Amino acid sequence: MLKIKRVYEKPEADDGIRFLVERLWPRGLTREKLKVKAWLKDVAPSPSLRKWYAHDIDKWREFQQRYRAELEANPDAWKPILEAARDNDVTLTYSARDTEHNSALALKSFLEERIQK
């Protein structure tokens, strides 16, 4: 099962395996506090896509399409998450304030489609 959670929320036992899926390390947090198995920078949107999107909700639909294209082109970045999620609970951690329009949510949707295959 895949879940997403803000990095500033307390880690819990039912989170399972936790991955940080941000290109930048979240401000003010240590690896010990975050309790992540790995920091997967390359699964995050490219710097140019992140800059273009700039958390502008009007661009959300197109952002998802562009991000999916980046993910399709870079399967080595997301395969570790997919492999872990086949047998374990996995939590994708992110730092964006917007809980309804963020790259972790788009990544979760992308991965869920592949788990079912």
PDB file of N, CA and C in Angstrom:
ATOM      1  N   MET A   1       0.844  -1.187   0.000  1.00  0.00           N
ATOM      2  CA  MET A   1       0.000   0.000   0.000  1.00  0.00           C
ATOM      3  C   MET A   1       0.885   1.244   0.000  1.00  0.00           C
ATOM      4  N   LEU A   2       0.557   2.178  -0.867  1.00  0.00           N
ATOM      5  CA  LEU A   2       1.286   3.438  -0.954  1.00  0.00           C
ATOM      6  C   LEU A   2       0.531   4.536  -0.226  1.00  0.00           C
ATOM      7  N   LYS A   3       1.277   5.328   0.534  1.00  0.00           N
ATOM      8  CA  LYS A   3       0.705   6.477   1.233  1.00  0.00           C
ATOM      9  C   LYS A   3       1.613   7.667   1.005  1.00  0.00           C
ATOM     10  N   ILE A   4       1.098   8.849   1.241  1.00  0.00           N
ATOM     11  CA  ILE A   4       1.938  10.038   1.228  1.00  0.00           C
ATOM     12  C   ILE A   4       1.750  10.763   2.556  1.00  0.00           C
ATOM     13  N   LYS A   5       2.800  11.500   2.933  1.00  0.00           N
ATOM     14  CA  LYS A   5       2.767  12.187   4.217  1.00  0.00           C
ATOM     15  C   LYS A   5       3.759  13.346   4.177  1.00  0.00           C
ATOM     16  N   ARG A   6       3.363  14.459   4.737  1.00  0.00           N
ATOM     17  CA  ARG A   6       4.287  15.593   4.828  1.00  0.00           C
ATOM     18  C   ARG A   6       5.442  15.227   5.759  1.00  0.00           C
ATOM     19  N   VAL A   7       6.622  15.691   5.437  1.00  0.00           N
ATOM     20  CA  VAL A   7       7.806  15.380   6.242  1.00  0.00           C
ATOM     21  C   VAL A   7       7.691  15.939   7.652  1.00  0.00           C
ATOM     22  N   TYR A   8       6.852  16.932   7.836  1.00  0.00           N
ATOM     23  CA  TYR A   8       6.718  17.573   9.152  1.00  0.00           C
ATOM     24  C   TYR A   8       5.722  16.851  10.054  1.00  0.00           C
ATOM     25  N   GLU A   9       5.055  15.819   9.533  1.00  0.00           N
ATOM     26  CA  GLU A   9       4.178  14.990  10.350  1.00  0.00           C
ATOM     27  C   GLU A   9       5.028  13.913  11.017  1.00  0.00           C
ATOM     28  N   LYS A  10       4.630  13.530  12.204  1.00  0.00           N
ATOM     29  CA  LYS A  10       5.388  12.549  12.977  1.00  0.00           C
ATOM     30  C   LYS A  10       5.390  11.179  12.288  1.00  0.00           C
ATOM     31  N   PRO A  11       6.580  10.565  12.156  1.00  0.00           N
ATOM     32  CA  PRO A  11       6.623   9.192  11.616  1.00  0.00           C
ATOM     33  C   PRO A  11       5.874   8.234  12.541  1.00  0.00           C
ATOM     34  N   GLU A  12       5.171   7.272  11.945  1.00  0.00           N
ATOM     35  CA  GLU A  12       4.417   6.291  12.720  1.00  0.00           C
ATOM     36  C   GLU A  12       4.769   4.889  12.242  1.00  0.00           C
ATOM     37  N   ALA A  13       4.544   3.919  13.095  1.00  0.00           N
ATOM     38  CA  ALA A  13       4.891   2.530  12.774  1.00  0.00           C
ATOM     39  C   ALA A  13       4.176   2.044  11.516  1.00  0.00           C
ATOM     40  N   ASP A  14       2.926   2.468  11.299  1.00  0.00           N
ATOM     41  CA  ASP A  14       2.192   1.977  10.131  1.00  0.00           C
ATOM     42  C   ASP A  14       2.583   2.684   8.827  1.00  0.00           C
ATOM     43  N   ASP A  15       3.578   3.579   8.885  1.00  0.00           N
ATOM     44  CA  ASP A  15       4.088   4.201   7.663  1.00  0.00           C
ATOM     45  C   ASP A  15       4.814   3.172   6.796  1.00  0.00           C
ATOM     46  N   GLY A  16       5.331   2.128   7.414  1.00  0.00           N
ATOM     47  CA  GLY A  16       6.110   1.150   6.661  1.00  0.00           C
ATOM     48  C   GLY A  16       7.445   1.735   6.257  1.00  0.00           C
ATOM     49  N   ILE A  17       7.859   1.452   5.038  1.00  0.00           N
ATOM     50  CA  ILE A  17       9.123   1.965   4.514  1.00  0.00           C
ATOM     51  C   ILE A  17       8.886   3.390   4.024  1.00  0.00           C
ATOM     52  N   ARG A  18       9.696   4.306   4.511  1.00  0.00           N
ATOM     53  CA  ARG A  18       9.532   5.723   4.171  1.00  0.00           C
ATOM     54  C   ARG A  18      10.623   6.175   3.203  1.00  0.00           C
ATOM     55  N   PHE A  19      10.203   6.884   2.157  1.00  0.00           N
ATOM     56  CA  PHE A  19      11.134   7.459   1.189  1.00  0.00           C
ATOM     57  C   PHE A  19      10.887   8.960   1.114  1.00  0.00           C
ATOM     58  N   LEU A  20      11.965   9.738   1.082  1.00  0.00           N
ATOM     59  CA  LEU A  20      11.851  11.168   0.810  1.00  0.00           C
ATOM     60  C   LEU A  20      11.894  11.329  -0.700  1.00  0.00           C
ATOM     61  N   VAL A  21      10.857  11.938  -1.274  1.00  0.00           N
ATOM     62  CA  VAL A  21      10.747  12.064  -2.725  1.00  0.00           C
ATOM     63  C   VAL A  21      10.781  13.530  -3.155  1.00  0.00           C
ATOM     64  N   GLU A  22      11.705  14.264  -2.580  1.00  0.00           N
ATOM     65  CA  GLU A  22      11.910  15.679  -2.884  1.00  0.00           C
ATOM     66  C   GLU A  22      13.322  15.881  -3.421  1.00  0.00           C
ATOM     67  N   ARG A  23      13.501  16.834  -4.283  1.00  0.00           N
ATOM     68  CA  ARG A  23      14.826  17.145  -4.805  1.00  0.00           C
ATOM     69  C   ARG A  23      15.665  17.878  -3.760  1.00  0.00           C
ATOM     70  N   LEU A  24      15.024  18.654  -2.907  1.00  0.00           N
ATOM     71  CA  LEU A  24      15.722  19.413  -1.870  1.00  0.00           C
ATOM     72  C   LEU A  24      15.431  18.823  -0.500  1.00  0.00           C
ATOM     73  N   TRP A  25      16.447  18.797   0.363  1.00  0.00           N
ATOM     74  CA  TRP A  25      16.249  18.305   1.732  1.00  0.00           C
ATOM     75  C   TRP A  25      15.370  19.299   2.483  1.00  0.00           C
ATOM     76  N   PRO A  26      14.380  18.809   3.239  1.00  0.00           N
ATOM     77  CA  PRO A  26      13.487  19.721   3.965  1.00  0.00           C
ATOM     78  C   PRO A  26      14.211  20.473   5.081  1.00  0.00           C
ATOM     79  N   ARG A  27      13.967  21.735   5.110  1.00  0.00           N
ATOM     80  CA  ARG A  27      14.609  22.632   6.065  1.00  0.00           C
ATOM     81  C   ARG A  27      14.293  22.226   7.504  1.00  0.00           C
ATOM     82  N   GLY A  28      15.332  22.197   8.321  1.00  0.00           N
ATOM     83  CA  GLY A  28      15.157  21.984   9.754  1.00  0.00           C
ATOM     84  C   GLY A  28      14.995  20.543  10.197  1.00  0.00           C
ATOM     85  N   LEU A  29      15.123  19.581   9.292  1.00  0.00           N
ATOM     86  CA  LEU A  29      14.940  18.176   9.671  1.00  0.00           C
ATOM     87  C   LEU A  29      16.232  17.393   9.497  1.00  0.00           C
ATOM     88  N   THR A  30      16.477  16.498  10.431  1.00  0.00           N
ATOM     89  CA  THR A  30      17.619  15.602  10.327  1.00  0.00           C
ATOM     90  C   THR A  30      17.142  14.260   9.774  1.00  0.00           C
ATOM     91  N   ARG A  31      18.084  13.470   9.322  1.00  0.00           N
ATOM     92  CA  ARG A  31      17.742  12.141   8.804  1.00  0.00           C
ATOM     93  C   ARG A  31      17.104  11.293   9.914  1.00  0.00           C
ATOM     94  N   GLU A  32      17.585  11.463  11.135  1.00  0.00           N
ATOM     95  CA  GLU A  32      17.040  10.702  12.266  1.00  0.00           C
ATOM     96  C   GLU A  32      15.573  11.063  12.523  1.00  0.00           C
ATOM     97  N   LYS A  33      15.245  12.341  12.444  1.00  0.00           N
ATOM     98  CA  LYS A  33      13.852  12.764  12.655  1.00  0.00           C
ATOM     99  C   LYS A  33      12.945  12.300  11.529  1.00  0.00           C
ATOM    100  N   LEU A  34      13.478  12.303  10.339  1.00  0.00           N
ATOM    101  CA  LEU A  34      12.678  11.950   9.171  1.00  0.00           C
ATOM    102  C   LEU A  34      12.419  10.451   9.067  1.00  0.00           C
ATOM    103  N   LYS A  35      13.361   9.659   9.537  1.00  0.00           N
ATOM    104  CA  LYS A  35      13.234   8.196   9.523  1.00  0.00           C
ATOM    105  C   LYS A  35      12.892   7.640   8.134  1.00  0.00           C
ATOM    106  N   VAL A  36      13.696   8.032   7.147  1.00  0.00           N
ATOM    107  CA  VAL A  36      13.487   7.534   5.797  1.00  0.00           C
ATOM    108  C   VAL A  36      14.522   6.470   5.461  1.00  0.00           C
ATOM    109  N   LYS A  37      14.091   5.514   4.660  1.00  0.00           N
ATOM    110  CA  LYS A  37      15.021   4.487   4.183  1.00  0.00           C
ATOM    111  C   LYS A  37      15.995   5.100   3.189  1.00  0.00           C
ATOM    112  N   ALA A  38      15.471   5.978   2.318  1.00  0.00           N
ATOM    113  CA  ALA A  38      16.311   6.590   1.291  1.00  0.00           C
ATOM    114  C   ALA A  38      15.737   7.933   0.855  1.00  0.00           C
ATOM    115  N   TRP A  39      16.639   8.765   0.390  1.00  0.00           N
ATOM    116  CA  TRP A  39      16.270  10.048  -0.200  1.00  0.00           C
ATOM    117  C   TRP A  39      16.407   9.867  -1.708  1.00  0.00           C
ATOM    118  N   LEU A  40      15.285   9.832  -2.408  1.00  0.00           N
ATOM    119  CA  LEU A  40      15.273   9.567  -3.842  1.00  0.00           C
ATOM    120  C   LEU A  40      15.093  10.881  -4.613  1.00  0.00           C
ATOM    121  N   LYS A  41      16.159  11.649  -4.702  1.00  0.00           N
ATOM    122  CA  LYS A  41      16.127  12.948  -5.372  1.00  0.00           C
ATOM    123  C   LYS A  41      15.705  12.847  -6.831  1.00  0.00           C
ATOM    124  N   ASP A  42      16.183  11.790  -7.500  1.00  0.00           N
ATOM    125  CA  ASP A  42      15.957  11.686  -8.938  1.00  0.00           C
ATOM    126  C   ASP A  42      14.524  11.334  -9.320  1.00  0.00           C
ATOM    127  N   VAL A  43      13.701  10.942  -8.333  1.00  0.00           N
ATOM    128  CA  VAL A  43      12.301  10.654  -8.632  1.00  0.00           C
ATOM    129  C   VAL A  43      11.454  11.934  -8.563  1.00  0.00           C
ATOM    130  N   ALA A  44      12.015  12.973  -7.998  1.00  0.00           N
ATOM    131  CA  ALA A  44      11.310  14.258  -7.884  1.00  0.00           C
ATOM    132  C   ALA A  44      11.291  14.949  -9.249  1.00  0.00           C
ATOM    133  N   PRO A  45      10.379  15.886  -9.431  1.00  0.00           N
ATOM    134  CA  PRO A  45      10.355  16.641 -10.692  1.00  0.00           C
ATOM    135  C   PRO A  45      11.694  17.342 -10.927  1.00  0.00           C
ATOM    136  N   SER A  46      12.052  17.488 -12.189  1.00  0.00           N
ATOM    137  CA  SER A  46      13.300  18.174 -12.538  1.00  0.00           C
ATOM    138  C   SER A  46      13.252  19.618 -12.031  1.00  0.00           C
ATOM    139  N   PRO A  47      14.416  20.224 -11.819  1.00  0.00           N
ATOM    140  CA  PRO A  47      14.421  21.631 -11.387  1.00  0.00           C
ATOM    141  C   PRO A  47      13.659  22.546 -12.349  1.00  0.00           C
ATOM    142  N   SER A  48      13.774  22.299 -13.647  1.00  0.00           N
ATOM    143  CA  SER A  48      13.073  23.169 -14.601  1.00  0.00           C
ATOM    144  C   SER A  48      11.555  22.987 -14.508  1.00  0.00           C
ATOM    145  N   LEU A  49      11.091  21.759 -14.309  1.00  0.00           N
ATOM    146  CA  LEU A  49       9.648  21.525 -14.163  1.00  0.00           C
ATOM    147  C   LEU A  49       9.144  22.129 -12.853  1.00  0.00           C
ATOM    148  N   ARG A  50       9.892  21.937 -11.809  1.00  0.00           N
ATOM    149  CA  ARG A  50       9.509  22.501 -10.505  1.00  0.00           C
ATOM    150  C   ARG A  50       9.403  24.025 -10.588  1.00  0.00           C
ATOM    151  N   LYS A  51      10.377  24.633 -11.244  1.00  0.00           N
ATOM    152  CA  LYS A  51      10.370  26.096 -11.384  1.00  0.00           C
ATOM    153  C   LYS A  51       9.191  26.547 -12.243  1.00  0.00           C
ATOM    154  N   TRP A  52       8.919  25.837 -13.339  1.00  0.00           N
ATOM    155  CA  TRP A  52       7.800  26.184 -14.204  1.00  0.00           C
ATOM    156  C   TRP A  52       6.479  26.095 -13.441  1.00  0.00           C
ATOM    157  N   TYR A  53       6.289  25.016 -12.691  1.00  0.00           N
ATOM    158  CA  TYR A  53       5.038  24.809 -11.961  1.00  0.00           C
ATOM    159  C   TYR A  53       4.855  25.848 -10.858  1.00  0.00           C
ATOM    160  N   ALA A  54       5.865  26.044 -10.051  1.00  0.00           N
ATOM    161  CA  ALA A  54       5.853  27.054  -8.978  1.00  0.00           C
ATOM    162  C   ALA A  54       4.601  26.966  -8.097  1.00  0.00           C
ATOM    163  N   HIS A  55       4.060  25.763  -7.932  1.00  0.00           N
ATOM    164  CA  HIS A  55       2.866  25.511  -7.117  1.00  0.00           C
ATOM    165  C   HIS A  55       1.676  26.375  -7.531  1.00  0.00           C
ATOM    166  N   ASP A  56       1.581  26.626  -8.838  1.00  0.00           N
ATOM    167  CA  ASP A  56       0.451  27.359  -9.413  1.00  0.00           C
ATOM    168  C   ASP A  56      -0.631  26.328  -9.745  1.00  0.00           C
ATOM    169  N   ILE A  57      -1.704  26.325  -8.978  1.00  0.00           N
ATOM    170  CA  ILE A  57      -2.756  25.324  -9.115  1.00  0.00           C
ATOM    171  C   ILE A  57      -3.362  25.317 -10.525  1.00  0.00           C
ATOM    172  N   ASP A  58      -3.354  26.456 -11.200  1.00  0.00           N
ATOM    173  CA  ASP A  58      -3.871  26.506 -12.574  1.00  0.00           C
ATOM    174  C   ASP A  58      -3.044  25.639 -13.523  1.00  0.00           C
ATOM    175  N   LYS A  59      -1.800  25.341 -13.151  1.00  0.00           N
ATOM    176  CA  LYS A  59      -0.923  24.513 -13.984  1.00  0.00           C
ATOM    177  C   LYS A  59      -0.917  23.048 -13.543  1.00  0.00           C
ATOM    178  N   TRP A  60      -1.721  22.687 -12.537  1.00  0.00           N
ATOM    179  CA  TRP A  60      -1.683  21.354 -11.941  1.00  0.00           C
ATOM    180  C   TRP A  60      -1.857  20.230 -12.966  1.00  0.00           C
ATOM    181  N   ARG A  61      -2.857  20.332 -13.813  1.00  0.00           N
ATOM    182  CA  ARG A  61      -3.130  19.259 -14.779  1.00  0.00           C
ATOM    183  C   ARG A  61      -1.939  19.068 -15.734  1.00  0.00           C
ATOM    184  N   GLU A  62      -1.420  20.157 -16.252  1.00  0.00           N
ATOM    185  CA  GLU A  62      -0.275  20.047 -17.169  1.00  0.00           C
ATOM    186  C   GLU A  62       0.989  19.608 -16.424  1.00  0.00           C
ATOM    187  N   PHE A  63       1.150  20.071 -15.187  1.00  0.00           N
ATOM    188  CA  PHE A  63       2.293  19.624 -14.382  1.00  0.00           C
ATOM    189  C   PHE A  63       2.299  18.103 -14.270  1.00  0.00           C
ATOM    190  N   GLN A  64       1.143  17.519 -13.969  1.00  0.00           N
ATOM    191  CA  GLN A  64       1.056  16.066 -13.829  1.00  0.00           C
ATOM    192  C   GLN A  64       1.469  15.355 -15.118  1.00  0.00           C
ATOM    193  N   GLN A  65       1.031  15.881 -16.251  1.00  0.00           N
ATOM    194  CA  GLN A  65       1.385  15.275 -17.534  1.00  0.00           C
ATOM    195  C   GLN A  65       2.886  15.361 -17.791  1.00  0.00           C
ATOM    196  N   ARG A  66       3.459  16.525 -17.533  1.00  0.00           N
ATOM    197  CA  ARG A  66       4.899  16.696 -17.755  1.00  0.00           C
ATOM    198  C   ARG A  66       5.708  15.832 -16.784  1.00  0.00           C
ATOM    199  N   TYR A  67       5.261  15.770 -15.544  1.00  0.00           N
ATOM    200  CA  TYR A  67       5.965  14.968 -14.536  1.00  0.00           C
ATOM    201  C   TYR A  67       5.894  13.483 -14.895  1.00  0.00           C
ATOM    202  N   ARG A  68       4.746  13.024 -15.337  1.00  0.00           N
ATOM    203  CA  ARG A  68       4.609  11.626 -15.764  1.00  0.00           C
ATOM    204  C   ARG A  68       5.574  11.310 -16.914  1.00  0.00           C
ATOM    205  N   ALA A  69       5.726  12.239 -17.833  1.00  0.00           N
ATOM    206  CA  ALA A  69       6.663  12.040 -18.943  1.00  0.00           C
ATOM    207  C   ALA A  69       8.092  11.906 -18.414  1.00  0.00           C
ATOM    208  N   GLU A  70       8.439  12.722 -17.432  1.00  0.00           N
ATOM    209  CA  GLU A  70       9.774  12.599 -16.823  1.00  0.00           C
ATOM    210  C   GLU A  70       9.934  11.242 -16.135  1.00  0.00           C
ATOM    211  N   LEU A  71       8.902  10.814 -15.431  1.00  0.00           N
ATOM    212  CA  LEU A  71       8.969   9.522 -14.743  1.00  0.00           C
ATOM    213  C   LEU A  71       9.097   8.370 -15.736  1.00  0.00           C
ATOM    214  N   GLU A  72       8.336   8.426 -16.810  1.00  0.00           N
ATOM    215  CA  GLU A  72       8.408   7.381 -17.840  1.00  0.00           C
ATOM    216  C   GLU A  72       9.819   7.265 -18.398  1.00  0.00           C
ATOM    217  N   ALA A  73      10.491   8.403 -18.524  1.00  0.00           N
ATOM    218  CA  ALA A  73      11.834   8.429 -19.089  1.00  0.00           C
ATOM    219  C   ALA A  73      12.917   8.006 -18.095  1.00  0.00           C
ATOM    220  N   ASN A  74      12.560   7.864 -16.822  1.00  0.00           N
ATOM    221  CA  ASN A  74      13.555   7.566 -15.795  1.00  0.00           C
ATOM    222  C   ASN A  74      13.065   6.479 -14.835  1.00  0.00           C
ATOM    223  N   PRO A  75      12.811   5.261 -15.307  1.00  0.00           N
ATOM    224  CA  PRO A  75      12.277   4.209 -14.436  1.00  0.00           C
ATOM    225  C   PRO A  75      13.228   3.791 -13.312  1.00  0.00           C
ATOM    226  N   ASP A  76      14.529   3.965 -13.500  1.00  0.00           N
ATOM    227  CA  ASP A  76      15.469   3.598 -12.428  1.00  0.00           C
ATOM    228  C   ASP A  76      15.238   4.417 -11.166  1.00  0.00           C
ATOM    229  N   ALA A  77      14.675   5.603 -11.315  1.00  0.00           N
ATOM    230  CA  ALA A  77      14.435   6.464 -10.156  1.00  0.00           C
ATOM    231  C   ALA A  77      13.292   5.945  -9.286  1.00  0.00           C
ATOM    232  N   TRP A  78      12.244   5.393  -9.901  1.00  0.00           N
ATOM    233  CA  TRP A  78      11.064   4.985  -9.124  1.00  0.00           C
ATOM    234  C   TRP A  78      10.950   3.485  -8.899  1.00  0.00           C
ATOM    235  N   LYS A  79      11.744   2.681  -9.549  1.00  0.00           N
ATOM    236  CA  LYS A  79      11.648   1.231  -9.360  1.00  0.00           C
ATOM    237  C   LYS A  79      11.895   0.784  -7.918  1.00  0.00           C
ATOM    238  N   PRO A  80      12.824   1.399  -7.172  1.00  0.00           N
ATOM    239  CA  PRO A  80      12.996   0.975  -5.770  1.00  0.00           C
ATOM    240  C   PRO A  80      11.719   1.140  -4.934  1.00  0.00           C
ATOM    241  N   ILE A  81      10.959   2.165  -5.225  1.00  0.00           N
ATOM    242  CA  ILE A  81       9.700   2.379  -4.500  1.00  0.00           C
ATOM    243  C   ILE A  81       8.702   1.293  -4.882  1.00  0.00           C
ATOM    244  N   LEU A  82       8.588   1.039  -6.164  1.00  0.00           N
ATOM    245  CA  LEU A  82       7.656   0.028  -6.658  1.00  0.00           C
ATOM    246  C   LEU A  82       7.981  -1.348  -6.083  1.00  0.00           C
ATOM    247  N   GLU A  83       9.256  -1.704  -6.069  1.00  0.00           N
ATOM    248  CA  GLU A  83       9.664  -3.001  -5.526  1.00  0.00           C
ATOM    249  C   GLU A  83       9.329  -3.112  -4.040  1.00  0.00           C
ATOM    250  N   ALA A  84       9.574  -2.039  -3.283  1.00  0.00           N
ATOM    251  CA  ALA A  84       9.263  -2.048  -1.849  1.00  0.00           C
ATOM    252  C   ALA A  84       7.759  -2.143  -1.617  1.00  0.00           C
ATOM    253  N   ALA A  85       6.972  -1.485  -2.473  1.00  0.00           N
ATOM    254  CA  ALA A  85       5.517  -1.431  -2.293  1.00  0.00           C
ATOM    255  C   ALA A  85       4.818  -2.729  -2.656  1.00  0.00           C
ATOM    256  N   ARG A  86       5.483  -3.602  -3.379  1.00  0.00           N
ATOM    257  CA  ARG A  86       4.848  -4.880  -3.739  1.00  0.00           C
ATOM    258  C   ARG A  86       4.616  -5.756  -2.503  1.00  0.00           C
ATOM    259  N   ASP A  87       5.471  -5.654  -1.499  1.00  0.00           N
ATOM    260  CA  ASP A  87       5.375  -6.510  -0.314  1.00  0.00           C
ATOM    261  C   ASP A  87       5.237  -5.755   1.007  1.00  0.00           C
ATOM    262  N   ASN A  88       5.270  -4.426   0.968  1.00  0.00           N
ATOM    263  CA  ASN A  88       5.282  -3.628   2.200  1.00  0.00           C
ATOM    264  C   ASN A  88       4.420  -2.390   2.055  1.00  0.00           C
ATOM    265  N   ASP A  89       4.071  -1.818   3.196  1.00  0.00           N
ATOM    266  CA  ASP A  89       3.497  -0.484   3.180  1.00  0.00           C
ATOM    267  C   ASP A  89       4.636   0.478   2.901  1.00  0.00           C
ATOM    268  N   VAL A  90       4.368   1.481   2.083  1.00  0.00           N
ATOM    269  CA  VAL A  90       5.381   2.477   1.729  1.00  0.00           C
ATOM    270  C   VAL A  90       4.756   3.857   1.874  1.00  0.00           C
ATOM    271  N   THR A  91       5.514   4.763   2.473  1.00  0.00           N
ATOM    272  CA  THR A  91       5.074   6.146   2.602  1.00  0.00           C
ATOM    273  C   THR A  91       6.044   7.046   1.860  1.00  0.00           C
ATOM    274  N   LEU A  92       5.508   7.842   0.949  1.00  0.00           N
ATOM    275  CA  LEU A  92       6.282   8.834   0.217  1.00  0.00           C
ATOM    276  C   LEU A  92       6.197  10.135   1.008  1.00  0.00           C
ATOM    277  N   THR A  93       7.325  10.642   1.446  1.00  0.00           N
ATOM    278  CA  THR A  93       7.303  11.867   2.230  1.00  0.00           C
ATOM    279  C   THR A  93       7.683  13.054   1.356  1.00  0.00           C
ATOM    280  N   TYR A  94       7.009  14.169   1.601  1.00  0.00           N
ATOM    281  CA  TYR A  94       7.195  15.378   0.802  1.00  0.00           C
ATOM    282  C   TYR A  94       7.106  16.595   1.709  1.00  0.00           C
ATOM    283  N   SER A  95       7.566  17.740   1.206  1.00  0.00           N
ATOM    284  CA  SER A  95       7.576  18.933   2.052  1.00  0.00           C
ATOM    285  C   SER A  95       6.622  20.037   1.607  1.00  0.00           C
ATOM    286  N   ALA A  96       5.975  19.909   0.475  1.00  0.00           N
ATOM    287  CA  ALA A  96       5.065  20.948  -0.017  1.00  0.00           C
ATOM    288  C   ALA A  96       3.943  21.216   0.983  1.00  0.00           C
ATOM    289  N   ARG A  97       3.547  22.472   1.072  1.00  0.00           N
ATOM    290  CA  ARG A  97       2.448  22.840   1.979  1.00  0.00           C
ATOM    291  C   ARG A  97       1.091  22.375   1.456  1.00  0.00           C
ATOM    292  N   ASP A  98       0.945  22.406   0.148  1.00  0.00           N
ATOM    293  CA  ASP A  98      -0.325  22.036  -0.487  1.00  0.00           C
ATOM    294  C   ASP A  98      -0.457  20.513  -0.493  1.00  0.00           C
ATOM    295  N   THR A  99      -1.426  20.017   0.249  1.00  0.00           N
ATOM    296  CA  THR A  99      -1.595  18.566   0.368  1.00  0.00           C
ATOM    297  C   THR A  99      -2.429  17.967  -0.765  1.00  0.00           C
ATOM    298  N   GLU A 100      -2.989  18.804  -1.637  1.00  0.00           N
ATOM    299  CA  GLU A 100      -3.831  18.313  -2.723  1.00  0.00           C
ATOM    300  C   GLU A 100      -3.208  18.466  -4.112  1.00  0.00           C
ATOM    301  N   HIS A 101      -2.133  19.248  -4.192  1.00  0.00           N
ATOM    302  CA  HIS A 101      -1.483  19.511  -5.481  1.00  0.00           C
ATOM    303  C   HIS A 101       0.024  19.485  -5.280  1.00  0.00           C
ATOM    304  N   ASN A 102       0.603  18.287  -5.236  1.00  0.00           N
ATOM    305  CA  ASN A 102       2.046  18.183  -5.032  1.00  0.00           C
ATOM    306  C   ASN A 102       2.597  16.986  -5.786  1.00  0.00           C
ATOM    307  N   SER A 103       3.900  16.990  -5.970  1.00  0.00           N
ATOM    308  CA  SER A 103       4.527  15.939  -6.776  1.00  0.00           C
ATOM    309  C   SER A 103       4.413  14.562  -6.137  1.00  0.00           C
ATOM    310  N   ALA A 104       4.387  14.473  -4.812  1.00  0.00           N
ATOM    311  CA  ALA A 104       4.248  13.158  -4.156  1.00  0.00           C
ATOM    312  C   ALA A 104       2.897  12.534  -4.497  1.00  0.00           C
ATOM    313  N   LEU A 105       1.869  13.332  -4.555  1.00  0.00           N
ATOM    314  CA  LEU A 105       0.541  12.837  -4.921  1.00  0.00           C
ATOM    315  C   LEU A 105       0.530  12.334  -6.366  1.00  0.00           C
ATOM    316  N   ALA A 106       1.161  13.098  -7.247  1.00  0.00           N
ATOM    317  CA  ALA A 106       1.248  12.679  -8.653  1.00  0.00           C
ATOM    318  C   ALA A 106       2.081  11.405  -8.785  1.00  0.00           C
ATOM    319  N   LEU A 107       3.169  11.321  -8.031  1.00  0.00           N
ATOM    320  CA  LEU A 107       4.017  10.128  -8.057  1.00  0.00           C
ATOM    321  C   LEU A 107       3.259   8.916  -7.531  1.00  0.00           C
ATOM    322  N   LYS A 108       2.508   9.088  -6.470  1.00  0.00           N
ATOM    323  CA  LYS A 108       1.719   7.993  -5.894  1.00  0.00           C
ATOM    324  C   LYS A 108       0.749   7.443  -6.943  1.00  0.00           C
ATOM    325  N   SER A 109       0.057   8.313  -7.622  1.00  0.00           N
ATOM    326  CA  SER A 109      -0.885   7.900  -8.657  1.00  0.00           C
ATOM    327  C   SER A 109      -0.165   7.140  -9.777  1.00  0.00           C
ATOM    328  N   PHE A 110       0.961   7.656 -10.221  1.00  0.00           N
ATOM    329  CA  PHE A 110       1.768   7.020 -11.261  1.00  0.00           C
ATOM    330  C   PHE A 110       2.182   5.612 -10.837  1.00  0.00           C
ATOM    331  N   LEU A 111       2.651   5.473  -9.599  1.00  0.00           N
ATOM    332  CA  LEU A 111       3.117   4.175  -9.109  1.00  0.00           C
ATOM    333  C   LEU A 111       1.978   3.185  -8.890  1.00  0.00           C
ATOM    334  N   GLU A 112       0.840   3.671  -8.411  1.00  0.00           N
ATOM    335  CA  GLU A 112      -0.302   2.775  -8.185  1.00  0.00           C
ATOM    336  C   GLU A 112      -0.743   2.098  -9.485  1.00  0.00           C
ATOM    337  N   GLU A 113      -0.664   2.812 -10.578  1.00  0.00           N
ATOM    338  CA  GLU A 113      -1.005   2.219 -11.874  1.00  0.00           C
ATOM    339  C   GLU A 113      -0.063   1.074 -12.228  1.00  0.00           C
ATOM    340  N   ARG A 114       1.186   1.197 -11.813  1.00  0.00           N
ATOM    341  CA  ARG A 114       2.186   0.182 -12.140  1.00  0.00           C
ATOM    342  C   ARG A 114       2.165  -0.991 -11.173  1.00  0.00           C
ATOM    343  N   ILE A 115       1.738  -0.783  -9.961  1.00  0.00           N
ATOM    344  CA  ILE A 115       1.639  -1.883  -8.984  1.00  0.00           C
ATOM    345  C   ILE A 115       0.582  -2.876  -9.443  1.00  0.00           C
ATOM    346  N   GLN A 116      -0.481  -2.377 -10.017  1.00  0.00           N
ATOM    347  CA  GLN A 116      -1.586  -3.229 -10.457  1.00  0.00           C
ATOM    348  C   GLN A 116      -1.260  -4.064 -11.686  1.00  0.00           C
ATOM    349  N   LYS A 117      -0.191  -3.708 -12.392  1.00  0.00           N
ATOM    350  CA  LYS A 117       0.177  -4.445 -13.615  1.00  0.00           C
ATOM    351  C   LYS A 117       0.896  -5.731 -13.289  1.00  0.00           C
TER     352      LYS A 117
END
